[in-house]
PDB file of N, CA and C in Angstrom:
ATOM      1  N   MET A   1      -5.117  25.007 -15.565  1.00  0.00           N
ATOM      2  CA  MET A   1      -5.170  23.460 -16.174  1.00  0.00           C
ATOM      3  C   MET A   1      -4.252  23.677 -16.980  1.00  0.00           C
ATOM      4  N   ILE A   2      -4.283  24.306 -18.115  1.00  0.00           N
ATOM      5  CA  ILE A   2      -2.817  24.064 -19.103  1.00  0.00           C
ATOM      6  C   ILE A   2      -1.837  23.340 -18.562  1.00  0.00           C
ATOM      7  N   GLU A   3      -1.503  23.728 -17.309  1.00  0.00           N
ATOM      8  CA  GLU A   3      -0.121  22.864 -17.081  1.00  0.00           C
ATOM      9  C   GLU A   3      -0.241  21.448 -16.761  1.00  0.00           C
ATOM     10  N   ARG A   4      -2.244  21.258 -16.258  1.00  0.00           N
ATOM     11  CA  ARG A   4      -1.920  19.647 -16.147  1.00  0.00           C
ATOM     12  C   ARG A   4      -1.983  19.120 -17.212  1.00  0.00           C
ATOM     13  N   PHE A   5      -2.795  19.270 -18.418  1.00  0.00           N
ATOM     14  CA  PHE A   5      -2.921  19.128 -19.293  1.00  0.00           C
ATOM     15  C   PHE A   5      -1.087  18.644 -20.669  1.00  0.00           C
ATOM     16  N   GLY A   6      -0.942  19.916 -20.313  1.00  0.00           N
ATOM     17  CA  GLY A   6      -0.147  20.158 -21.381  1.00  0.00           C
ATOM     18  C   GLY A   6       1.610  19.359 -20.420  1.00  0.00           C
ATOM     19  N   ALA A   7       1.706  18.625 -19.704  1.00  0.00           N
ATOM     20  CA  ALA A   7       2.231  17.959 -18.609  1.00  0.00           C
ATOM     21  C   ALA A   7       3.462  16.875 -20.055  1.00  0.00           C
ATOM     22  N   ALA A   8       4.243  16.438 -19.498  1.00  0.00           N
ATOM     23  CA  ALA A   8       4.980  15.600 -20.944  1.00  0.00           C
ATOM     24  C   ALA A   8       3.916  14.257 -20.780  1.00  0.00           C
ATOM     25  N   PRO A   9       3.587  13.334 -21.740  1.00  0.00           N
ATOM     26  CA  PRO A   9       3.415  12.404 -21.716  1.00  0.00           C
ATOM     27  C   PRO A   9       3.946  10.836 -20.893  1.00  0.00           C
ATOM     28  N   GLY A  10       3.523  10.762 -19.895  1.00  0.00           N
ATOM     29  CA  GLY A  10       3.680   9.327 -18.721  1.00  0.00           C
ATOM     30  C   GLY A  10       4.046  10.054 -17.796  1.00  0.00           C
ATOM     31  N   ALA A  11       4.385  11.266 -17.523  1.00  0.00           N
ATOM     32  CA  ALA A  11       5.287  12.140 -16.455  1.00  0.00           C
ATOM     33  C   ALA A  11       4.005  11.563 -15.124  1.00  0.00           C
ATOM     34  N   ALA A  12       4.290  11.317 -14.206  1.00  0.00           N
ATOM     35  CA  ALA A  12       3.627  10.978 -13.037  1.00  0.00           C
ATOM     36  C   ALA A  12       2.764  12.284 -12.373  1.00  0.00           C
ATOM     37  N   PRO A  13       1.876  12.155 -12.367  1.00  0.00           N
ATOM     38  CA  PRO A  13       1.148  13.071 -11.247  1.00  0.00           C
ATOM     39  C   PRO A  13       1.694  13.627 -10.030  1.00  0.00           C
ATOM     40  N   PRO A  14       1.891  15.153 -10.326  1.00  0.00           N
ATOM     41  CA  PRO A  14       1.854  14.997  -8.925  1.00  0.00           C
ATOM     42  C   PRO A  14       1.395  14.876  -6.718  1.00  0.00           C
ATOM     43  N   LEU A  15       2.156  14.324  -6.421  1.00  0.00           N
ATOM     44  CA  LEU A  15       1.763  13.884  -5.112  1.00  0.00           C
ATOM     45  C   LEU A  15       0.823  14.693  -4.528  1.00  0.00           C
ATOM     46  N   ARG A  16       0.016  14.428  -3.925  1.00  0.00           N
ATOM     47  CA  ARG A  16      -0.786  15.082  -2.956  1.00  0.00           C
ATOM     48  C   ARG A  16      -0.399  14.504  -1.378  1.00  0.00           C
ATOM     49  N   VAL A  17      -0.273  14.512  -0.977  1.00  0.00           N
ATOM     50  CA  VAL A  17       0.131  13.817   0.251  1.00  0.00           C
ATOM     51  C   VAL A  17      -1.294  14.111   0.742  1.00  0.00           C
ATOM     52  N   HIS A  18      -1.328  12.507   1.909  1.00  0.00           N
ATOM     53  CA  HIS A  18      -2.438  13.075   3.068  1.00  0.00           C
ATOM     54  C   HIS A  18      -1.975  14.592   4.148  1.00  0.00           C
ATOM     55  N   PRO A  19      -2.892  15.223   4.279  1.00  0.00           N
ATOM     56  CA  PRO A  19      -2.518  15.429   5.802  1.00  0.00           C
ATOM     57  C   PRO A  19      -1.938  14.792   7.417  1.00  0.00           C
ATOM     58  N   ASP A  20      -2.650  13.894   7.324  1.00  0.00           N
ATOM     59  CA  ASP A  20      -2.336  13.399   8.018  1.00  0.00           C
ATOM     60  C   ASP A  20      -1.840  11.655   8.100  1.00  0.00           C
ATOM     61  N   LEU A  21      -1.187  11.694   6.985  1.00  0.00           N
ATOM     62  CA  LEU A  21       0.094  10.179   6.575  1.00  0.00           C
ATOM     63  C   LEU A  21       0.659  10.433   7.439  1.00  0.00           C
ATOM     64  N   HIS A  22       1.145  10.810   8.478  1.00  0.00           N
ATOM     65  CA  HIS A  22       2.189  10.981   9.448  1.00  0.00           C
ATOM     66  C   HIS A  22       1.816  10.325  10.794  1.00  0.00           C
ATOM     67  N   LEU A  23      -0.021  10.327  10.747  1.00  0.00           N
ATOM     68  CA  LEU A  23       0.067  10.283  12.144  1.00  0.00           C
ATOM     69  C   LEU A  23      -0.162   8.308  11.337  1.00  0.00           C
ATOM     70  N   LEU A  24      -0.314   7.739  11.038  1.00  0.00           N
ATOM     71  CA  LEU A  24       0.227   6.302  10.465  1.00  0.00           C
ATOM     72  C   LEU A  24       1.685   5.621  11.196  1.00  0.00           C
ATOM     73  N   THR A  25       1.591   4.564  11.666  1.00  0.00           N
ATOM     74  CA  THR A  25       2.532   3.547  11.989  1.00  0.00           C
ATOM     75  C   THR A  25       3.652   3.719  10.813  1.00  0.00           C
ATOM     76  N   GLU A  26       4.425   2.995  11.258  1.00  0.00           N
ATOM     77  CA  GLU A  26       5.268   2.679   9.601  1.00  0.00           C
ATOM     78  C   GLU A  26       4.956   1.059   9.875  1.00  0.00           C
ATOM     79  N   ARG A  27       4.002  -0.111  10.747  1.00  0.00           N
ATOM     80  CA  ARG A  27       3.748  -1.050  10.239  1.00  0.00           C
ATOM     81  C   ARG A  27       1.630  -0.564   9.274  1.00  0.00           C
ATOM     82  N   GLU A  28       1.500   0.211   9.261  1.00  0.00           N
ATOM     83  CA  GLU A  28       0.196   0.384   9.432  1.00  0.00           C
ATOM     84  C   GLU A  28       0.780   0.967   7.717  1.00  0.00           C
ATOM     85  N   ARG A  29       1.375   1.532   7.607  1.00  0.00           N
ATOM     86  CA  ARG A  29       1.531   2.388   6.273  1.00  0.00           C
ATOM     87  C   ARG A  29       2.502   1.404   5.140  1.00  0.00           C
ATOM     88  N   GLU A  30       2.712   0.554   5.693  1.00  0.00           N
ATOM     89  CA  GLU A  30       3.143  -0.669   5.342  1.00  0.00           C
ATOM     90  C   GLU A  30       2.013  -2.131   4.671  1.00  0.00           C
ATOM     91  N   ILE A  31       1.231  -2.123   5.658  1.00  0.00           N
ATOM     92  CA  ILE A  31      -0.205  -2.640   5.213  1.00  0.00           C
ATOM     93  C   ILE A  31      -0.559  -1.974   3.918  1.00  0.00           C
ATOM     94  N   VAL A  32      -0.947  -0.580   4.230  1.00  0.00           N
ATOM     95  CA  VAL A  32      -1.165   0.017   3.278  1.00  0.00           C
ATOM     96  C   VAL A  32      -1.377   0.629   2.393  1.00  0.00           C
ATOM     97  N   GLY A  33       0.335   0.096   1.930  1.00  0.00           N
ATOM     98  CA  GLY A  33       0.717  -0.368   0.676  1.00  0.00           C
ATOM     99  C   GLY A  33       0.624  -1.635   0.152  1.00  0.00           C
ATOM    100  N   TRP A  34       0.658  -2.589   0.652  1.00  0.00           N
ATOM    101  CA  TRP A  34       0.354  -4.461   0.442  1.00  0.00           C
ATOM    102  C   TRP A  34      -1.262  -3.981   0.528  1.00  0.00           C
ATOM    103  N   VAL A  35      -2.451  -3.256   0.924  1.00  0.00           N
ATOM    104  CA  VAL A  35      -3.303  -3.089   0.419  1.00  0.00           C
ATOM    105  C   VAL A  35      -3.331  -2.262  -0.804  1.00  0.00           C
ATOM    106  N   ALA A  36      -2.565  -1.206  -1.318  1.00  0.00           N
ATOM    107  CA  ALA A  36      -2.446  -0.672  -2.533  1.00  0.00           C
ATOM    108  C   ALA A  36      -2.572  -1.949  -3.753  1.00  0.00           C
ATOM    109  N   THR A  37      -1.790  -2.780  -3.312  1.00  0.00           N
ATOM    110  CA  THR A  37      -1.253  -4.348  -4.337  1.00  0.00           C
ATOM    111  C   THR A  37      -2.948  -5.028  -4.639  1.00  0.00           C
ATOM    112  N   GLY A  38      -3.511  -4.736  -4.144  1.00  0.00           N
ATOM    113  CA  GLY A  38      -4.569  -5.632  -4.146  1.00  0.00           C
ATOM    114  C   GLY A  38      -5.627  -6.874  -3.531  1.00  0.00           C
ATOM    115  N   LEU A  39      -3.925  -6.632  -2.666  1.00  0.00           N
ATOM    116  CA  LEU A  39      -3.971  -8.079  -2.377  1.00  0.00           C
ATOM    117  C   LEU A  39      -5.364  -8.427  -1.275  1.00  0.00           C
ATOM    118  N   SER A  40      -6.000  -9.197  -0.042  1.00  0.00           N
ATOM    119  CA  SER A  40      -7.034  -8.860   0.548  1.00  0.00           C
ATOM    120  C   SER A  40      -6.032  -9.249   2.085  1.00  0.00           C
ATOM    121  N   ASN A  41      -7.154  -8.922   2.809  1.00  0.00           N
ATOM    122  CA  ASN A  41      -6.069  -8.696   4.415  1.00  0.00           C
ATOM    123  C   ASN A  41      -5.490 -10.584   4.532  1.00  0.00           C
ATOM    124  N   ASP A  42      -6.345 -11.416   4.181  1.00  0.00           N
ATOM    125  CA  ASP A  42      -6.201 -13.014   4.415  1.00  0.00           C
ATOM    126  C   ASP A  42      -5.150 -13.432   3.374  1.00  0.00           C
ATOM    127  N   GLU A  43      -4.640 -12.544   2.637  1.00  0.00           N
ATOM    128  CA  GLU A  43      -3.454 -12.694   1.308  1.00  0.00           C
ATOM    129  C   GLU A  43      -2.128 -12.355   2.341  1.00  0.00           C
ATOM    130  N   ILE A  44      -2.330 -11.078   2.582  1.00  0.00           N
ATOM    131  CA  ILE A  44      -1.201 -10.307   3.418  1.00  0.00           C
ATOM    132  C   ILE A  44      -1.060 -10.886   4.791  1.00  0.00           C
ATOM    133  N   ALA A  45      -2.015 -11.423   5.164  1.00  0.00           N
ATOM    134  CA  ALA A  45      -2.047 -11.916   6.562  1.00  0.00           C
ATOM    135  C   ALA A  45      -0.952 -13.206   6.492  1.00  0.00           C
ATOM    136  N   ALA A  46      -1.271 -14.118   5.329  1.00  0.00           N
ATOM    137  CA  ALA A  46      -0.179 -15.398   5.342  1.00  0.00           C
ATOM    138  C   ALA A  46       0.706 -14.973   4.487  1.00  0.00           C
ATOM    139  N   GLY A  47       1.182 -14.085   3.892  1.00  0.00           N
ATOM    140  CA  GLY A  47       2.495 -13.450   3.172  1.00  0.00           C
ATOM    141  C   GLY A  47       3.234 -12.794   4.627  1.00  0.00           C
ATOM    142  N   LEU A  48       3.114 -12.043   5.096  1.00  0.00           N
ATOM    143  CA  LEU A  48       3.461 -11.216   6.274  1.00  0.00           C
ATOM    144  C   LEU A  48       4.007 -11.999   7.020  1.00  0.00           C
ATOM    145  N   VAL A  49       2.664 -13.632   8.221  1.00  0.00           N
ATOM    146  CA  VAL A  49       3.019 -14.322   8.679  1.00  0.00           C
ATOM    147  C   VAL A  49       2.418 -13.366  10.254  1.00  0.00           C
ATOM    148  N   VAL A  50       1.366 -12.862  10.028  1.00  0.00           N
ATOM    149  CA  VAL A  50       0.512 -12.401  10.962  1.00  0.00           C
ATOM    150  C   VAL A  50      -1.085 -13.110  11.037  1.00  0.00           C
ATOM    151  N   SER A  51      -1.791 -12.724  11.961  1.00  0.00           N
ATOM    152  CA  SER A  51      -3.168 -13.054  11.942  1.00  0.00           C
ATOM    153  C   SER A  51      -3.971 -11.956  10.784  1.00  0.00           C
ATOM    154  N   PRO A  52      -4.905 -12.857  10.569  1.00  0.00           N
ATOM    155  CA  PRO A  52      -6.168 -11.796   9.344  1.00  0.00           C
ATOM    156  C   PRO A  52      -6.574 -10.526  10.110  1.00  0.00           C
ATOM    157  N   ALA A  53      -6.633 -10.740  11.732  1.00  0.00           N
ATOM    158  CA  ALA A  53      -7.077 -10.398  12.402  1.00  0.00           C
ATOM    159  C   ALA A  53      -6.218  -8.777  12.287  1.00  0.00           C
ATOM    160  N   THR A  54      -5.216  -9.095  12.983  1.00  0.00           N
ATOM    161  CA  THR A  54      -3.931  -7.919  12.514  1.00  0.00           C
ATOM    162  C   THR A  54      -4.102  -7.468  12.043  1.00  0.00           C
ATOM    163  N   VAL A  55      -4.015  -7.834  10.442  1.00  0.00           N
ATOM    164  CA  VAL A  55      -3.425  -7.139   9.514  1.00  0.00           C
ATOM    165  C   VAL A  55      -5.920  -5.882   9.118  1.00  0.00           C
ATOM    166  N   ARG A  56      -6.471  -6.737   9.836  1.00  0.00           N
ATOM    167  CA  ARG A  56      -7.404  -5.859   9.657  1.00  0.00           C
ATOM    168  C   ARG A  56      -7.918  -5.192  10.761  1.00  0.00           C
ATOM    169  N   THR A  57      -7.300  -5.225  11.505  1.00  0.00           N
ATOM    170  CA  THR A  57      -6.601  -4.164  12.615  1.00  0.00           C
ATOM    171  C   THR A  57      -6.169  -3.021  12.525  1.00  0.00           C
ATOM    172  N   HIS A  58      -4.698  -2.763  11.710  1.00  0.00           N
ATOM    173  CA  HIS A  58      -3.799  -2.176  10.903  1.00  0.00           C
ATOM    174  C   HIS A  58      -5.043  -1.534   9.646  1.00  0.00           C
ATOM    175  N   VAL A  59      -5.632  -2.273   9.054  1.00  0.00           N
ATOM    176  CA  VAL A  59      -6.707  -1.242   8.113  1.00  0.00           C
ATOM    177  C   VAL A  59      -7.408  -0.587   9.044  1.00  0.00           C
ATOM    178  N   SER A  60      -8.477  -1.097  10.220  1.00  0.00           N
ATOM    179  CA  SER A  60      -8.860  -0.439  10.456  1.00  0.00           C
ATOM    180  C   SER A  60      -8.456   1.246  10.993  1.00  0.00           C
ATOM    181  N   ARG A  61      -7.627   0.713  11.664  1.00  0.00           N
ATOM    182  CA  ARG A  61      -6.378   2.158  12.604  1.00  0.00           C
ATOM    183  C   ARG A  61      -6.175   2.994  10.892  1.00  0.00           C
ATOM    184  N   ALA A  62      -5.679   2.719  10.376  1.00  0.00           N
ATOM    185  CA  ALA A  62      -5.550   3.865   8.952  1.00  0.00           C
ATOM    186  C   ALA A  62      -6.631   3.915   8.028  1.00  0.00           C
ATOM    187  N   LEU A  63      -7.768   3.416   8.009  1.00  0.00           N
ATOM    188  CA  LEU A  63      -9.187   4.205   8.000  1.00  0.00           C
ATOM    189  C   LEU A  63      -9.305   5.126   8.512  1.00  0.00           C
ATOM    190  N   ILE A  64      -9.184   4.897  10.366  1.00  0.00           N
ATOM    191  CA  ILE A  64      -9.430   6.234  10.870  1.00  0.00           C
ATOM    192  C   ILE A  64      -8.664   7.119  10.671  1.00  0.00           C
ATOM    193  N   LYS A  65      -8.155   6.885  10.995  1.00  0.00           N
ATOM    194  CA  LYS A  65      -6.782   7.934  11.195  1.00  0.00           C
ATOM    195  C   LYS A  65      -6.802   8.978   9.580  1.00  0.00           C
ATOM    196  N   LEU A  66      -6.886   8.471   8.388  1.00  0.00           N
ATOM    197  CA  LEU A  66      -6.909   9.280   7.478  1.00  0.00           C
ATOM    198  C   LEU A  66      -7.943   9.663   6.753  1.00  0.00           C
ATOM    199  N   GLY A  67      -9.598   9.192   7.875  1.00  0.00           N
ATOM    200  CA  GLY A  67     -11.190   9.694   7.272  1.00  0.00           C
ATOM    201  C   GLY A  67     -11.200   8.854   6.256  1.00  0.00           C
ATOM    202  N   ALA A  68     -10.963   7.616   5.903  1.00  0.00           N
ATOM    203  CA  ALA A  68     -10.685   7.349   4.515  1.00  0.00           C
ATOM    204  C   ALA A  68     -12.365   6.527   4.723  1.00  0.00           C
ATOM    205  N   ARG A  69     -13.308   6.093   4.212  1.00  0.00           N
ATOM    206  CA  ARG A  69     -14.523   5.751   3.976  1.00  0.00           C
ATOM    207  C   ARG A  69     -14.321   4.158   3.517  1.00  0.00           C
ATOM    208  N   ASP A  70     -13.753   3.977   3.075  1.00  0.00           N
ATOM    209  CA  ASP A  70     -13.667   1.979   2.535  1.00  0.00           C
ATOM    210  C   ASP A  70     -11.667   1.834   1.867  1.00  0.00           C
ATOM    211  N   ARG A  71     -11.981   0.536   2.214  1.00  0.00           N
ATOM    212  CA  ARG A  71     -10.025   0.371   1.387  1.00  0.00           C
ATOM    213  C   ARG A  71     -10.314   0.806  -0.014  1.00  0.00           C
ATOM    214  N   ALA A  72     -11.381   0.960  -0.837  1.00  0.00           N
ATOM    215  CA  ALA A  72     -10.850   1.573  -2.170  1.00  0.00           C
ATOM    216  C   ALA A  72     -10.019   3.328  -1.955  1.00  0.00           C
ATOM    217  N   GLN A  73     -11.408   4.021  -0.667  1.00  0.00           N
ATOM    218  CA  GLN A  73     -10.557   5.329  -1.013  1.00  0.00           C
ATOM    219  C   GLN A  73      -9.368   5.333  -0.494  1.00  0.00           C
ATOM    220  N   LEU A  74      -8.639   4.108   0.583  1.00  0.00           N
ATOM    221  CA  LEU A  74      -7.502   4.105   0.706  1.00  0.00           C
ATOM    222  C   LEU A  74      -6.461   3.553  -0.250  1.00  0.00           C
ATOM    223  N   VAL A  75      -6.994   2.907  -0.711  1.00  0.00           N
ATOM    224  CA  VAL A  75      -6.034   2.544  -1.704  1.00  0.00           C
ATOM    225  C   VAL A  75      -5.453   3.916  -2.991  1.00  0.00           C
ATOM    226  N   VAL A  76      -6.633   5.085  -3.165  1.00  0.00           N
ATOM    227  CA  VAL A  76      -6.449   6.368  -4.044  1.00  0.00           C
ATOM    228  C   VAL A  76      -5.565   6.844  -3.143  1.00  0.00           C
ATOM    229  N   ILE A  77      -5.462   6.957  -1.571  1.00  0.00           N
ATOM    230  CA  ILE A  77      -4.811   7.618  -0.526  1.00  0.00           C
ATOM    231  C   ILE A  77      -3.177   7.393  -1.233  1.00  0.00           C
ATOM    232  N   ALA A  78      -3.716   6.117  -0.925  1.00  0.00           N
ATOM    233  CA  ALA A  78      -1.618   5.592  -0.770  1.00  0.00           C
ATOM    234  C   ALA A  78      -1.185   6.108  -2.158  1.00  0.00           C
ATOM    235  N   TYR A  79      -1.751   5.827  -3.798  1.00  0.00           N
ATOM    236  CA  TYR A  79      -1.396   6.508  -4.582  1.00  0.00           C
ATOM    237  C   TYR A  79      -0.768   7.636  -4.995  1.00  0.00           C
ATOM    238  N   GLN A  80      -2.511   7.796  -4.125  1.00  0.00           N
ATOM    239  CA  GLN A  80      -1.866  10.289  -4.299  1.00  0.00           C
ATOM    240  C   GLN A  80      -0.322  10.000  -3.151  1.00  0.00           C
ATOM    241  N   SER A  81      -0.529   9.880  -2.273  1.00  0.00           N
ATOM    242  CA  SER A  81       0.476  10.182  -0.939  1.00  0.00           C
ATOM    243  C   SER A  81       2.030   9.759  -1.411  1.00  0.00           C
ATOM    244  N   GLY A  82       1.600   8.631  -2.634  1.00  0.00           N
ATOM    245  CA  GLY A  82       3.155   8.267  -2.908  1.00  0.00           C
ATOM    246  C   GLY A  82       3.901   7.008  -2.110  1.00  0.00           C
ATOM    247  N   VAL A  83       2.930   6.386  -0.882  1.00  0.00           N
ATOM    248  CA  VAL A  83       3.501   5.466  -0.208  1.00  0.00           C
ATOM    249  C   VAL A  83       3.623   4.611  -1.236  1.00  0.00           C
ATOM    250  N   PRO A  84       4.827   3.692  -0.904  1.00  0.00           N
ATOM    251  CA  PRO A  84       5.871   2.725  -1.369  1.00  0.00           C
ATOM    252  C   PRO A  84       4.833   1.577  -1.199  1.00  0.00           C
ATOM    253  N   LEU A  85       4.883   0.668  -2.669  1.00  0.00           N
ATOM    254  CA  LEU A  85       4.259  -0.183  -2.489  1.00  0.00           C
ATOM    255  C   LEU A  85       5.366  -1.445  -2.579  1.00  0.00           C
ATOM    256  N   PRO A  86       4.598  -1.977  -1.808  1.00  0.00           N
ATOM    257  CA  PRO A  86       5.743  -3.579  -1.631  1.00  0.00           C
ATOM    258  C   PRO A  86       6.579  -4.008  -2.602  1.00  0.00           C
ATOM    259  N   GLY A  87       7.615  -4.307  -3.569  1.00  0.00           N
ATOM    260  CA  GLY A  87       8.801  -4.496  -4.264  1.00  0.00           C
ATOM    261  C   GLY A  87       9.719  -5.449  -3.287  1.00  0.00           C
ATOM    262  N   GLU A  88      10.406  -6.057  -5.453  1.00  0.00           N
ATOM    263  CA  GLU A  88      11.543  -6.878  -4.729  1.00  0.00           C
ATOM    264  C   GLU A  88      12.312  -6.342  -3.685  1.00  0.00           C
ATOM    265  N   ASP A  89      12.760  -5.481  -3.074  1.00  0.00           N
ATOM    266  CA  ASP A  89      13.541  -5.124  -1.966  1.00  0.00           C
ATOM    267  C   ASP A  89      12.847  -5.461  -0.153  1.00  0.00           C
ATOM    268  N   HIS A  90      11.474  -5.685  -0.652  1.00  0.00           N
ATOM    269  CA  HIS A  90      10.404  -5.891   0.295  1.00  0.00           C
ATOM    270  C   HIS A  90      11.187  -7.142   1.385  1.00  0.00           C
ATOM    271  N   PRO A  91      11.864  -7.074   3.154  1.00  0.00           N
ATOM    272  CA  PRO A  91      12.207  -8.358   3.604  1.00  0.00           C
ATOM    273  C   PRO A  91      10.979  -9.363   3.293  1.00  0.00           C
ATOM    274  N   THR A  92       9.791  -9.138   3.468  1.00  0.00           N
ATOM    275  CA  THR A  92       9.465 -10.568   3.020  1.00  0.00           C
ATOM    276  C   THR A  92       9.570 -11.386   1.589  1.00  0.00           C
ATOM    277  N   CYS A  93       9.296 -10.146   0.375  1.00  0.00           N
ATOM    278  CA  CYS A  93      10.177 -10.771  -0.623  1.00  0.00           C
ATOM    279  C   CYS A  93      11.275 -11.268  -0.544  1.00  0.00           C
ATOM    280  N   ARG A  94      11.654 -10.566  -0.190  1.00  0.00           N
ATOM    281  CA  ARG A  94      14.008 -11.417   0.187  1.00  0.00           C
ATOM    282  C   ARG A  94      13.588 -12.413   0.762  1.00  0.00           C
ATOM    283  N   ALA A  95      12.980 -12.793   1.630  1.00  0.00           N
ATOM    284  CA  ALA A  95      12.650 -14.017   2.596  1.00  0.00           C
ATOM    285  C   ALA A  95      12.266 -15.247   1.959  1.00  0.00           C
ATOM    286  N   GLY A  96      11.383 -14.771   0.750  1.00  0.00           N
ATOM    287  CA  GLY A  96      10.881 -16.362   0.039  1.00  0.00           C
ATOM    288  C   GLY A  96       9.281 -15.808   0.134  1.00  0.00           C
ATOM    289  N   GLY A  97       8.933 -14.769   1.101  1.00  0.00           N
ATOM    290  CA  GLY A  97       7.523 -15.150   1.636  1.00  0.00           C
ATOM    291  C   GLY A  97       7.187 -15.742  -0.364  1.00  0.00           C
ATOM    292  N   ARG A  98       6.792 -17.012  -0.096  1.00  0.00           N
ATOM    293  CA  ARG A  98       6.358 -16.948  -1.374  1.00  0.00           C
ATOM    294  C   ARG A  98       4.451 -16.756  -2.066  1.00  0.00           C
ATOM    295  N   ILE A  99       3.919 -16.777  -0.680  1.00  0.00           N
ATOM    296  CA  ILE A  99       2.359 -16.415  -1.132  1.00  0.00           C
ATOM    297  C   ILE A  99       2.195 -15.454  -2.204  1.00  0.00           C
ATOM    298  N   LEU A 100       2.970 -13.967  -1.004  1.00  0.00           N
ATOM    299  CA  LEU A 100       3.299 -12.600  -1.772  1.00  0.00           C
ATOM    300  C   LEU A 100       4.453 -12.598  -2.628  1.00  0.00           C
ATOM    301  N   SER A 101       4.686 -13.467  -3.162  1.00  0.00           N
ATOM    302  CA  SER A 101       5.418 -13.685  -4.615  1.00  0.00           C
ATOM    303  C   SER A 101       4.539 -14.309  -5.967  1.00  0.00           C
ATOM    304  N   ALA A 102       3.837 -14.919  -5.097  1.00  0.00           N
ATOM    305  CA  ALA A 102       2.972 -15.284  -6.461  1.00  0.00           C
ATOM    306  C   ALA A 102       1.618 -14.427  -7.114  1.00  0.00           C
ATOM    307  N   LEU A 103       1.855 -13.421  -5.356  1.00  0.00           N
ATOM    308  CA  LEU A 103       0.304 -12.824  -5.750  1.00  0.00           C
ATOM    309  C   LEU A 103       0.283 -11.303  -5.803  1.00  0.00           C
ATOM    310  N   SER A 104       1.807 -10.692  -5.671  1.00  0.00           N
ATOM    311  CA  SER A 104       2.306  -9.213  -5.746  1.00  0.00           C
ATOM    312  C   SER A 104       3.076  -9.580  -6.918  1.00  0.00           C
ATOM    313  N   PRO A 105       2.767  -9.320  -8.774  1.00  0.00           N
ATOM    314  CA  PRO A 105       3.483  -9.178  -9.850  1.00  0.00           C
ATOM    315  C   PRO A 105       5.527  -8.329  -8.801  1.00  0.00           C
ATOM    316  N   LYS A 106       5.322  -7.336  -8.142  1.00  0.00           N
ATOM    317  CA  LYS A 106       6.058  -6.633  -7.650  1.00  0.00           C
ATOM    318  C   LYS A 106       7.269  -7.220  -6.955  1.00  0.00           C
ATOM    319  N   CYS A 107       6.499  -8.373  -6.139  1.00  0.00           N
ATOM    320  CA  CYS A 107       7.526  -9.346  -5.436  1.00  0.00           C
ATOM    321  C   CYS A 107       7.561 -10.397  -5.560  1.00  0.00           C
ATOM    322  N   GLN A 108       8.787 -10.847  -6.714  1.00  0.00           N
ATOM    323  CA  GLN A 108       9.081 -12.149  -7.802  1.00  0.00           C
ATOM    324  C   GLN A 108       9.969 -12.701  -7.078  1.00  0.00           C
ATOM    325  N   ALA A 109      10.192 -13.650  -6.751  1.00  0.00           N
ATOM    326  CA  ALA A 109      11.179 -14.119  -6.176  1.00  0.00           C
ATOM    327  C   ALA A 109      12.366 -14.654  -7.379  1.00  0.00           C
ATOM    328  N   SER A 110      13.790 -14.082  -6.932  1.00  0.00           N
ATOM    329  CA  SER A 110      14.606 -13.975  -7.808  1.00  0.00           C
ATOM    330  C   SER A 110      15.535 -15.723  -7.812  1.00  0.00           C
TER     331      SER A 110
END
């Protein structure tokens, strides 16, 4: 308890990687990262140029594999496990994914 509250201000909490995170495919993990940015399925689909049904499928499979009851819990798992959030180095950002660039502050066109 002392170590937890005695940590340096601004220090990131230690990761608690979900034990089933390794079960996600690369695409499911990517979609979980986009979900953690707060985008809707339709917004993610438009930015990644896939159908909303495809995004829903990936989200649903991630929920099942991780035992998450809803999107909010999926976001918590993503942050606690250190799932990378999309940023400037994401291929969609580099390719000028205008929709994602406009909605995600980490994905700004340069």
